[in-house]
Amino acid sequence: DRHHDVGFRHYCGGDVCVLESSLVI
């Protein structure tokens, strides 16, 4: 099985909270 997790995220920017709430960016 494959499980989609929103913590694995495509992002490049300065919002610290995005990184804080993510698993892998």
mmCIF file of all heavy atoms, coordinates in Angstrom:
data_MODEL
# 
_entry.id   MODEL 
# 
loop_
_atom_site.group_PDB 
_atom_site.id 
_atom_site.type_symbol 
_atom_site.label_atom_id 
_atom_site.label_alt_id 
_atom_site.label_comp_id 
_atom_site.label_asym_id 
_atom_site.label_entity_id 
_atom_site.label_seq_id 
_atom_site.pdbx_PDB_ins_code 
_atom_site.Cartn_x 
_atom_site.Cartn_y 
_atom_site.Cartn_z 
_atom_site.occupancy 
_atom_site.B_iso_or_equiv 
_atom_site.pdbx_formal_charge 
_atom_site.auth_seq_id 
_atom_site.auth_comp_id 
_atom_site.auth_asym_id 
_atom_site.auth_atom_id 
_atom_site.pdbx_PDB_model_num 
ATOM 1   N N   . ASP A 1 1  ? 0.824  -1.212 0.000  1.00 0.00 ? 1  ASP A N   1 
ATOM 2   C CA  . ASP A 1 1  ? 0.000  0.000  0.000  1.00 0.00 ? 1  ASP A CA  1 
ATOM 3   C C   . ASP A 1 1  ? 0.858  1.262  0.000  1.00 0.00 ? 1  ASP A C   1 
ATOM 4   O O   . ASP A 1 1  ? 1.938  1.302  0.600  1.00 0.00 ? 1  ASP A O   1 
ATOM 5   C CB  . ASP A 1 1  ? -0.913 0.036  1.227  1.00 0.00 ? 1  ASP A CB  1 
ATOM 6   C CG  . ASP A 1 1  ? -2.072 -0.934 1.117  1.00 0.00 ? 1  ASP A CG  1 
ATOM 7   O OD1 . ASP A 1 1  ? -2.402 -1.341 -0.008 1.00 0.00 ? 1  ASP A OD1 1 
ATOM 8   O OD2 . ASP A 1 1  ? -2.644 -1.278 2.163  1.00 0.00 ? 1  ASP A OD2 1 
ATOM 9   N N   . ARG A 1 2  ? 0.325  2.291  -0.665 1.00 0.00 ? 2  ARG A N   1 
ATOM 10  C CA  . ARG A 1 2  ? 0.912  3.626  -0.626 1.00 0.00 ? 2  ARG A CA  1 
ATOM 11  C C   . ARG A 1 2  ? 0.016  4.525  0.219  1.00 0.00 ? 2  ARG A C   1 
ATOM 12  O O   . ARG A 1 2  ? -1.199 4.507  0.061  1.00 0.00 ? 2  ARG A O   1 
ATOM 13  C CB  . ARG A 1 2  ? 1.025  4.217  -2.041 1.00 0.00 ? 2  ARG A CB  1 
ATOM 14  C CG  . ARG A 1 2  ? 2.091  3.599  -2.915 1.00 0.00 ? 2  ARG A CG  1 
ATOM 15  C CD  . ARG A 1 2  ? 2.080  4.226  -4.308 1.00 0.00 ? 2  ARG A CD  1 
ATOM 16  N NE  . ARG A 1 2  ? 0.913  3.822  -5.054 1.00 0.00 ? 2  ARG A NE  1 
ATOM 17  C CZ  . ARG A 1 2  ? 0.872  2.801  -5.901 1.00 0.00 ? 2  ARG A CZ  1 
ATOM 18  N NH1 . ARG A 1 2  ? 1.958  2.072  -6.115 1.00 0.00 ? 2  ARG A NH1 1 
ATOM 19  N NH2 . ARG A 1 2  ? -0.235 2.489  -6.539 1.00 0.00 ? 2  ARG A NH2 1 
ATOM 20  N N   . HIS A 1 3  ? 0.619  5.333  1.091  1.00 0.00 ? 3  HIS A N   1 
ATOM 21  C CA  . HIS A 1 3  ? -0.130 6.249  1.945  1.00 0.00 ? 3  HIS A CA  1 
ATOM 22  C C   . HIS A 1 3  ? 0.313  7.680  1.660  1.00 0.00 ? 3  HIS A C   1 
ATOM 23  O O   . HIS A 1 3  ? 1.503  8.006  1.798  1.00 0.00 ? 3  HIS A O   1 
ATOM 24  C CB  . HIS A 1 3  ? 0.102  5.924  3.427  1.00 0.00 ? 3  HIS A CB  1 
ATOM 25  C CG  . HIS A 1 3  ? -0.075 4.477  3.763  1.00 0.00 ? 3  HIS A CG  1 
ATOM 26  N ND1 . HIS A 1 3  ? -1.307 3.858  3.725  1.00 0.00 ? 3  HIS A ND1 1 
ATOM 27  C CD2 . HIS A 1 3  ? 0.818  3.521  4.126  1.00 0.00 ? 3  HIS A CD2 1 
ATOM 28  C CE1 . HIS A 1 3  ? -1.169 2.586  4.070  1.00 0.00 ? 3  HIS A CE1 1 
ATOM 29  N NE2 . HIS A 1 3  ? 0.119  2.360  4.313  1.00 0.00 ? 3  HIS A NE2 1 
ATOM 30  N N   . HIS A 1 4  ? -0.641 8.513  1.278  1.00 0.00 ? 4  HIS A N   1 
ATOM 31  C CA  . HIS A 1 4  ? -0.327 9.925  1.043  1.00 0.00 ? 4  HIS A CA  1 
ATOM 32  C C   . HIS A 1 4  ? -0.330 10.666 2.366  1.00 0.00 ? 4  HIS A C   1 
ATOM 33  O O   . HIS A 1 4  ? -1.270 10.569 3.150  1.00 0.00 ? 4  HIS A O   1 
ATOM 34  C CB  . HIS A 1 4  ? -1.365 10.553 0.106  1.00 0.00 ? 4  HIS A CB  1 
ATOM 35  C CG  . HIS A 1 4  ? -1.136 12.006 -0.138 1.00 0.00 ? 4  HIS A CG  1 
ATOM 36  N ND1 . HIS A 1 4  ? -0.123 12.465 -0.959 1.00 0.00 ? 4  HIS A ND1 1 
ATOM 37  C CD2 . HIS A 1 4  ? -1.758 13.107 0.346  1.00 0.00 ? 4  HIS A CD2 1 
ATOM 38  C CE1 . HIS A 1 4  ? -0.154 13.790 -0.974 1.00 0.00 ? 4  HIS A CE1 1 
ATOM 39  N NE2 . HIS A 1 4  ? -1.127 14.196 -0.190 1.00 0.00 ? 4  HIS A NE2 1 
ATOM 40  N N   . ASP A 1 5  ? 0.739  11.410 2.633  1.00 0.00 ? 5  ASP A N   1 
ATOM 41  C CA  . ASP A 1 5  ? 0.860  12.170 3.872  1.00 0.00 ? 5  ASP A CA  1 
ATOM 42  C C   . ASP A 1 5  ? 1.210  13.609 3.530  1.00 0.00 ? 5  ASP A C   1 
ATOM 43  O O   . ASP A 1 5  ? 2.193  13.880 2.831  1.00 0.00 ? 5  ASP A O   1 
ATOM 44  C CB  . ASP A 1 5  ? 1.953  11.558 4.758  1.00 0.00 ? 5  ASP A CB  1 
ATOM 45  C CG  . ASP A 1 5  ? 1.921  12.108 6.177  1.00 0.00 ? 5  ASP A CG  1 
ATOM 46  O OD1 . ASP A 1 5  ? 2.027  13.336 6.335  1.00 0.00 ? 5  ASP A OD1 1 
ATOM 47  O OD2 . ASP A 1 5  ? 1.796  11.304 7.118  1.00 0.00 ? 5  ASP A OD2 1 
ATOM 48  N N   . VAL A 1 6  ? 0.401  14.546 4.048  1.00 0.00 ? 6  VAL A N   1 
ATOM 49  C CA  . VAL A 1 6  ? 0.603  15.961 3.731  1.00 0.00 ? 6  VAL A CA  1 
ATOM 50  C C   . VAL A 1 6  ? 1.868  16.527 4.354  1.00 0.00 ? 6  VAL A C   1 
ATOM 51  O O   . VAL A 1 6  ? 2.278  17.649 4.035  1.00 0.00 ? 6  VAL A O   1 
ATOM 52  C CB  . VAL A 1 6  ? -0.619 16.812 4.172  1.00 0.00 ? 6  VAL A CB  1 
ATOM 53  C CG1 . VAL A 1 6  ? -1.854 16.404 3.395  1.00 0.00 ? 6  VAL A CG1 1 
ATOM 54  C CG2 . VAL A 1 6  ? -0.857 16.675 5.678  1.00 0.00 ? 6  VAL A CG2 1 
ATOM 55  N N   . GLY A 1 7  ? 2.502  15.772 5.245  1.00 0.00 ? 7  GLY A N   1 
ATOM 56  C CA  . GLY A 1 7  ? 3.759  16.222 5.826  1.00 0.00 ? 7  GLY A CA  1 
ATOM 57  C C   . GLY A 1 7  ? 4.928  16.137 4.860  1.00 0.00 ? 7  GLY A C   1 
ATOM 58  O O   . GLY A 1 7  ? 5.971  16.747 5.105  1.00 0.00 ? 7  GLY A O   1 
ATOM 59  N N   . PHE A 1 8  ? 4.770  15.396 3.781  1.00 0.00 ? 8  PHE A N   1 
ATOM 60  C CA  . PHE A 1 8  ? 5.771  15.351 2.715  1.00 0.00 ? 8  PHE A CA  1 
ATOM 61  C C   . PHE A 1 8  ? 5.365  16.420 1.706  1.00 0.00 ? 8  PHE A C   1 
ATOM 62  O O   . PHE A 1 8  ? 4.393  16.258 0.968  1.00 0.00 ? 8  PHE A O   1 
ATOM 63  C CB  . PHE A 1 8  ? 5.809  13.962 2.068  1.00 0.00 ? 8  PHE A CB  1 
ATOM 64  C CG  . PHE A 1 8  ? 6.387  12.903 2.967  1.00 0.00 ? 8  PHE A CG  1 
ATOM 65  C CD1 . PHE A 1 8  ? 5.652  12.397 4.033  1.00 0.00 ? 8  PHE A CD1 1 
ATOM 66  C CD2 . PHE A 1 8  ? 7.662  12.408 2.738  1.00 0.00 ? 8  PHE A CD2 1 
ATOM 67  C CE1 . PHE A 1 8  ? 6.183  11.413 4.864  1.00 0.00 ? 8  PHE A CE1 1 
ATOM 68  C CE2 . PHE A 1 8  ? 8.199  11.425 3.568  1.00 0.00 ? 8  PHE A CE2 1 
ATOM 69  C CZ  . PHE A 1 8  ? 7.462  10.929 4.632  1.00 0.00 ? 8  PHE A CZ  1 
ATOM 70  N N   . ARG A 1 9  ? 6.122  17.508 1.672  1.00 0.00 ? 9  ARG A N   1 
ATOM 71  C CA  . ARG A 1 9  ? 5.613  18.736 1.067  1.00 0.00 ? 9  ARG A CA  1 
ATOM 72  C C   . ARG A 1 9  ? 6.590  19.354 0.073  1.00 0.00 ? 9  ARG A C   1 
ATOM 73  O O   . ARG A 1 9  ? 7.799  19.311 0.260  1.00 0.00 ? 9  ARG A O   1 
ATOM 74  C CB  . ARG A 1 9  ? 5.334  19.726 2.201  1.00 0.00 ? 9  ARG A CB  1 
ATOM 75  C CG  . ARG A 1 9  ? 4.538  20.933 1.828  1.00 0.00 ? 9  ARG A CG  1 
ATOM 76  C CD  . ARG A 1 9  ? 4.266  21.799 3.050  1.00 0.00 ? 9  ARG A CD  1 
ATOM 77  N NE  . ARG A 1 9  ? 2.940  21.594 3.596  1.00 0.00 ? 9  ARG A NE  1 
ATOM 78  C CZ  . ARG A 1 9  ? 2.668  21.423 4.877  1.00 0.00 ? 9  ARG A CZ  1 
ATOM 79  N NH1 . ARG A 1 9  ? 3.636  21.391 5.759  1.00 0.00 ? 9  ARG A NH1 1 
ATOM 80  N NH2 . ARG A 1 9  ? 1.430  21.271 5.279  1.00 0.00 ? 9  ARG A NH2 1 
ATOM 81  N N   . HIS A 1 10 ? 6.026  19.932 -0.984 1.00 0.00 ? 10 HIS A N   1 
ATOM 82  C CA  . HIS A 1 10 ? 6.799  20.692 -1.966 1.00 0.00 ? 10 HIS A CA  1 
ATOM 83  C C   . HIS A 1 10 ? 6.695  22.165 -1.592 1.00 0.00 ? 10 HIS A C   1 
ATOM 84  O O   . HIS A 1 10 ? 5.621  22.755 -1.661 1.00 0.00 ? 10 HIS A O   1 
ATOM 85  C CB  . HIS A 1 10 ? 6.232  20.451 -3.376 1.00 0.00 ? 10 HIS A CB  1 
ATOM 86  C CG  . HIS A 1 10 ? 7.078  21.003 -4.474 1.00 0.00 ? 10 HIS A CG  1 
ATOM 87  N ND1 . HIS A 1 10 ? 7.017  22.316 -4.863 1.00 0.00 ? 10 HIS A ND1 1 
ATOM 88  C CD2 . HIS A 1 10 ? 8.019  20.421 -5.262 1.00 0.00 ? 10 HIS A CD2 1 
ATOM 89  C CE1 . HIS A 1 10 ? 7.875  22.524 -5.846 1.00 0.00 ? 10 HIS A CE1 1 
ATOM 90  N NE2 . HIS A 1 10 ? 8.494  21.389 -6.102 1.00 0.00 ? 10 HIS A NE2 1 
ATOM 91  N N   . TYR A 1 11 ? 7.817  22.769 -1.187 1.00 0.00 ? 11 TYR A N   1 
ATOM 92  C CA  . TYR A 1 11 ? 7.786  24.155 -0.712 1.00 0.00 ? 11 TYR A CA  1 
ATOM 93  C C   . TYR A 1 11 ? 9.185  24.744 -0.756 1.00 0.00 ? 11 TYR A C   1 
ATOM 94  O O   . TYR A 1 11 ? 10.177 24.053 -0.486 1.00 0.00 ? 11 TYR A O   1 
ATOM 95  C CB  . TYR A 1 11 ? 7.258  24.200 0.725  1.00 0.00 ? 11 TYR A CB  1 
ATOM 96  C CG  . TYR A 1 11 ? 7.254  25.596 1.333  1.00 0.00 ? 11 TYR A CG  1 
ATOM 97  C CD1 . TYR A 1 11 ? 6.274  26.522 0.992  1.00 0.00 ? 11 TYR A CD1 1 
ATOM 98  C CD2 . TYR A 1 11 ? 8.240  25.974 2.247  1.00 0.00 ? 11 TYR A CD2 1 
ATOM 99  C CE1 . TYR A 1 11 ? 6.276  27.797 1.538  1.00 0.00 ? 11 TYR A CE1 1 
ATOM 100 C CE2 . TYR A 1 11 ? 8.240  27.247 2.807  1.00 0.00 ? 11 TYR A CE2 1 
ATOM 101 C CZ  . TYR A 1 11 ? 7.253  28.155 2.449  1.00 0.00 ? 11 TYR A CZ  1 
ATOM 102 O OH  . TYR A 1 11 ? 7.258  29.410 2.981  1.00 0.00 ? 11 TYR A OH  1 
ATOM 103 N N   . CYS A 1 12 ? 9.265  26.018 -1.070 1.00 0.00 ? 12 CYS A N   1 
ATOM 104 C CA  . CYS A 1 12 ? 10.520 26.760 -0.984 1.00 0.00 ? 12 CYS A CA  1 
ATOM 105 C C   . CYS A 1 12 ? 10.166 28.197 -0.625 1.00 0.00 ? 12 CYS A C   1 
ATOM 106 O O   . CYS A 1 12 ? 9.590  28.918 -1.443 1.00 0.00 ? 12 CYS A O   1 
ATOM 107 C CB  . CYS A 1 12 ? 11.303 26.710 -2.296 1.00 0.00 ? 12 CYS A CB  1 
ATOM 108 S SG  . CYS A 1 12 ? 12.937 27.490 -2.190 1.00 0.00 ? 12 CYS A SG  1 
ATOM 109 N N   . GLY A 1 13 ? 10.443 28.600 0.608  1.00 0.00 ? 13 GLY A N   1 
ATOM 110 C CA  . GLY A 1 13 ? 10.068 29.939 1.045  1.00 0.00 ? 13 GLY A CA  1 
ATOM 111 C C   . GLY A 1 13 ? 10.531 30.205 2.457  1.00 0.00 ? 13 GLY A C   1 
ATOM 112 O O   . GLY A 1 13 ? 11.272 29.421 3.042  1.00 0.00 ? 13 GLY A O   1 
ATOM 113 N N   . GLY A 1 14 ? 10.062 31.312 3.002  1.00 0.00 ? 14 GLY A N   1 
ATOM 114 C CA  . GLY A 1 14 ? 10.554 31.746 4.299  1.00 0.00 ? 14 GLY A CA  1 
ATOM 115 C C   . GLY A 1 14 ? 9.618  31.538 5.460  1.00 0.00 ? 14 GLY A C   1 
ATOM 116 O O   . GLY A 1 14 ? 9.886  32.043 6.560  1.00 0.00 ? 14 GLY A O   1 
ATOM 117 N N   . ASP A 1 15 ? 8.507  30.839 5.266  1.00 0.00 ? 15 ASP A N   1 
ATOM 118 C CA  . ASP A 1 15 ? 7.557  30.627 6.358  1.00 0.00 ? 15 ASP A CA  1 
ATOM 119 C C   . ASP A 1 15 ? 8.041  29.491 7.248  1.00 0.00 ? 15 ASP A C   1 
ATOM 120 O O   . ASP A 1 15 ? 7.966  28.310 6.894  1.00 0.00 ? 15 ASP A O   1 
ATOM 121 C CB  . ASP A 1 15 ? 6.177  30.308 5.785  1.00 0.00 ? 15 ASP A CB  1 
ATOM 122 C CG  . ASP A 1 15 ? 5.083  30.347 6.846  1.00 0.00 ? 15 ASP A CG  1 
ATOM 123 O OD1 . ASP A 1 15 ? 5.402  30.111 8.032  1.00 0.00 ? 15 ASP A OD1 1 
ATOM 124 O OD2 . ASP A 1 15 ? 3.922  30.594 6.484  1.00 0.00 ? 15 ASP A OD2 1 
ATOM 125 N N   . VAL A 1 16 ? 8.545  29.866 8.415  1.00 0.00 ? 16 VAL A N   1 
ATOM 126 C CA  . VAL A 1 16 ? 9.093  28.885 9.348  1.00 0.00 ? 16 VAL A CA  1 
ATOM 127 C C   . VAL A 1 16 ? 8.041  27.859 9.767  1.00 0.00 ? 16 VAL A C   1 
ATOM 128 O O   . VAL A 1 16 ? 8.340  26.685 9.983  1.00 0.00 ? 16 VAL A O   1 
ATOM 129 C CB  . VAL A 1 16 ? 9.673  29.600 10.585 1.00 0.00 ? 16 VAL A CB  1 
ATOM 130 C CG1 . VAL A 1 16 ? 10.077 28.599 11.659 1.00 0.00 ? 16 VAL A CG1 1 
ATOM 131 C CG2 . VAL A 1 16 ? 10.865 30.458 10.186 1.00 0.00 ? 16 VAL A CG2 1 
ATOM 132 N N   . CYS A 1 17 ? 6.793  28.284 9.862  1.00 0.00 ? 17 CYS A N   1 
ATOM 133 C CA  . CYS A 1 17 ? 5.731  27.383 10.323 1.00 0.00 ? 17 CYS A CA  1 
ATOM 134 C C   . CYS A 1 17 ? 5.457  26.255 9.331  1.00 0.00 ? 17 CYS A C   1 
ATOM 135 O O   . CYS A 1 17 ? 5.002  25.182 9.720  1.00 0.00 ? 17 CYS A O   1 
ATOM 136 C CB  . CYS A 1 17 ? 4.453  28.175 10.595 1.00 0.00 ? 17 CYS A CB  1 
ATOM 137 S SG  . CYS A 1 17 ? 4.592  29.259 12.025 1.00 0.00 ? 17 CYS A SG  1 
ATOM 138 N N   . VAL A 1 18 ? 5.721  26.501 8.053  1.00 0.00 ? 18 VAL A N   1 
ATOM 139 C CA  . VAL A 1 18 ? 5.563  25.426 7.072  1.00 0.00 ? 18 VAL A CA  1 
ATOM 140 C C   . VAL A 1 18 ? 6.568  24.322 7.361  1.00 0.00 ? 18 VAL A C   1 
ATOM 141 O O   . VAL A 1 18 ? 6.236  23.134 7.372  1.00 0.00 ? 18 VAL A O   1 
ATOM 142 C CB  . VAL A 1 18 ? 5.731  25.959 5.635  1.00 0.00 ? 18 VAL A CB  1 
ATOM 143 C CG1 . VAL A 1 18 ? 5.729  24.809 4.635  1.00 0.00 ? 18 VAL A CG1 1 
ATOM 144 C CG2 . VAL A 1 18 ? 4.629  26.944 5.286  1.00 0.00 ? 18 VAL A CG2 1 
ATOM 145 N N   . LEU A 1 19 ? 7.804  24.712 7.625  1.00 0.00 ? 19 LEU A N   1 
ATOM 146 C CA  . LEU A 1 19 ? 8.817  23.710 7.943  1.00 0.00 ? 19 LEU A CA  1 
ATOM 147 C C   . LEU A 1 19 ? 8.523  23.028 9.267  1.00 0.00 ? 19 LEU A C   1 
ATOM 148 O O   . LEU A 1 19 ? 8.690  21.813 9.404  1.00 0.00 ? 19 LEU A O   1 
ATOM 149 C CB  . LEU A 1 19 ? 10.207 24.352 7.990  1.00 0.00 ? 19 LEU A CB  1 
ATOM 150 C CG  . LEU A 1 19 ? 10.863 24.623 6.636  1.00 0.00 ? 19 LEU A CG  1 
ATOM 151 C CD1 . LEU A 1 19 ? 10.376 25.927 6.043  1.00 0.00 ? 19 LEU A CD1 1 
ATOM 152 C CD2 . LEU A 1 19 ? 12.368 24.630 6.751  1.00 0.00 ? 19 LEU A CD2 1 
ATOM 153 N N   . GLU A 1 20 ? 8.066  23.797 10.247 1.00 0.00 ? 20 GLU A N   1 
ATOM 154 C CA  . GLU A 1 20 ? 7.790  23.256 11.570 1.00 0.00 ? 20 GLU A CA  1 
ATOM 155 C C   . GLU A 1 20 ? 6.683  22.202 11.519 1.00 0.00 ? 20 GLU A C   1 
ATOM 156 O O   . GLU A 1 20 ? 6.686  21.253 12.307 1.00 0.00 ? 20 GLU A O   1 
ATOM 157 C CB  . GLU A 1 20 ? 7.405  24.387 12.526 1.00 0.00 ? 20 GLU A CB  1 
ATOM 158 C CG  . GLU A 1 20 ? 7.361  24.016 13.976 1.00 0.00 ? 20 GLU A CG  1 
ATOM 159 C CD  . GLU A 1 20 ? 8.729  23.691 14.565 1.00 0.00 ? 20 GLU A CD  1 
ATOM 160 O OE1 . GLU A 1 20 ? 9.756  23.985 13.924 1.00 0.00 ? 20 GLU A OE1 1 
ATOM 161 O OE2 . GLU A 1 20 ? 8.754  23.132 15.662 1.00 0.00 ? 20 GLU A OE2 1 
ATOM 162 N N   . SER A 1 21 ? 5.732  22.358 10.602 1.00 0.00 ? 21 SER A N   1 
ATOM 163 C CA  . SER A 1 21 ? 4.598  21.442 10.530 1.00 0.00 ? 21 SER A CA  1 
ATOM 164 C C   . SER A 1 21 ? 4.806  20.309 9.528  1.00 0.00 ? 21 SER A C   1 
ATOM 165 O O   . SER A 1 21 ? 3.920  19.482 9.335  1.00 0.00 ? 21 SER A O   1 
ATOM 166 C CB  . SER A 1 21 ? 3.327  22.212 10.154 1.00 0.00 ? 21 SER A CB  1 
ATOM 167 O OG  . SER A 1 21 ? 3.433  22.714 8.835  1.00 0.00 ? 21 SER A OG  1 
ATOM 168 N N   . SER A 1 22 ? 5.972  20.278 8.873  1.00 0.00 ? 22 SER A N   1 
ATOM 169 C CA  . SER A 1 22 ? 6.226  19.292 7.834  1.00 0.00 ? 22 SER A CA  1 
ATOM 170 C C   . SER A 1 22 ? 7.125  18.173 8.331  1.00 0.00 ? 22 SER A C   1 
ATOM 171 O O   . SER A 1 22 ? 7.768  18.278 9.381  1.00 0.00 ? 22 SER A O   1 
ATOM 172 C CB  . SER A 1 22 ? 6.874  19.964 6.623  1.00 0.00 ? 22 SER A CB  1 
ATOM 173 O OG  . SER A 1 22 ? 6.032  20.955 6.078  1.00 0.00 ? 22 SER A OG  1 
ATOM 174 N N   . LEU A 1 23 ? 7.182  17.107 7.557  1.00 0.00 ? 23 LEU A N   1 
ATOM 175 C CA  . LEU A 1 23 ? 8.091  16.000 7.830  1.00 0.00 ? 23 LEU A CA  1 
ATOM 176 C C   . LEU A 1 23 ? 9.294  16.064 6.896  1.00 0.00 ? 23 LEU A C   1 
ATOM 177 O O   . LEU A 1 23 ? 10.438 15.982 7.332  1.00 0.00 ? 23 LEU A O   1 
ATOM 178 C CB  . LEU A 1 23 ? 7.366  14.667 7.649  1.00 0.00 ? 23 LEU A CB  1 
ATOM 179 C CG  . LEU A 1 23 ? 6.180  14.418 8.578  1.00 0.00 ? 23 LEU A CG  1 
ATOM 180 C CD1 . LEU A 1 23 ? 5.437  13.157 8.168  1.00 0.00 ? 23 LEU A CD1 1 
ATOM 181 C CD2 . LEU A 1 23 ? 6.639  14.318 10.020 1.00 0.00 ? 23 LEU A CD2 1 
ATOM 182 N N   . VAL A 1 24 ? 9.015  16.174 5.604  1.00 0.00 ? 24 VAL A N   1 
ATOM 183 C CA  . VAL A 1 24 ? 10.066 16.268 4.586  1.00 0.00 ? 24 VAL A CA  1 
ATOM 184 C C   . VAL A 1 24 ? 9.650  17.338 3.595  1.00 0.00 ? 24 VAL A C   1 
ATOM 185 O O   . VAL A 1 24 ? 8.508  17.349 3.122  1.00 0.00 ? 24 VAL A O   1 
ATOM 186 C CB  . VAL A 1 24 ? 10.275 14.922 3.853  1.00 0.00 ? 24 VAL A CB  1 
ATOM 187 C CG1 . VAL A 1 24 ? 11.334 15.052 2.767  1.00 0.00 ? 24 VAL A CG1 1 
ATOM 188 C CG2 . VAL A 1 24 ? 10.671 13.829 4.834  1.00 0.00 ? 24 VAL A CG2 1 
ATOM 189 N N   . ILE A 1 25 ? 10.586 18.249 3.263  1.00 0.00 ? 25 ILE A N   1 
ATOM 190 C CA  . ILE A 1 25 ? 10.282 19.349 2.343  1.00 0.00 ? 25 ILE A CA  1 
ATOM 191 C C   . ILE A 1 25 ? 11.267 19.344 1.181  1.00 0.00 ? 25 ILE A C   1 
ATOM 192 O O   . ILE A 1 25 ? 12.479 19.190 1.374  1.00 0.00 ? 25 ILE A O   1 
ATOM 193 C CB  . ILE A 1 25 ? 10.340 20.706 3.066  1.00 0.00 ? 25 ILE A CB  1 
ATOM 194 C CG1 . ILE A 1 25 ? 9.074  20.917 3.878  1.00 0.00 ? 25 ILE A CG1 1 
ATOM 195 C CG2 . ILE A 1 25 ? 10.505 21.850 2.091  1.00 0.00 ? 25 ILE A CG2 1 
ATOM 196 C CD1 . ILE A 1 25 ? 8.919  22.299 4.444  1.00 0.00 ? 25 ILE A CD1 1 
# 
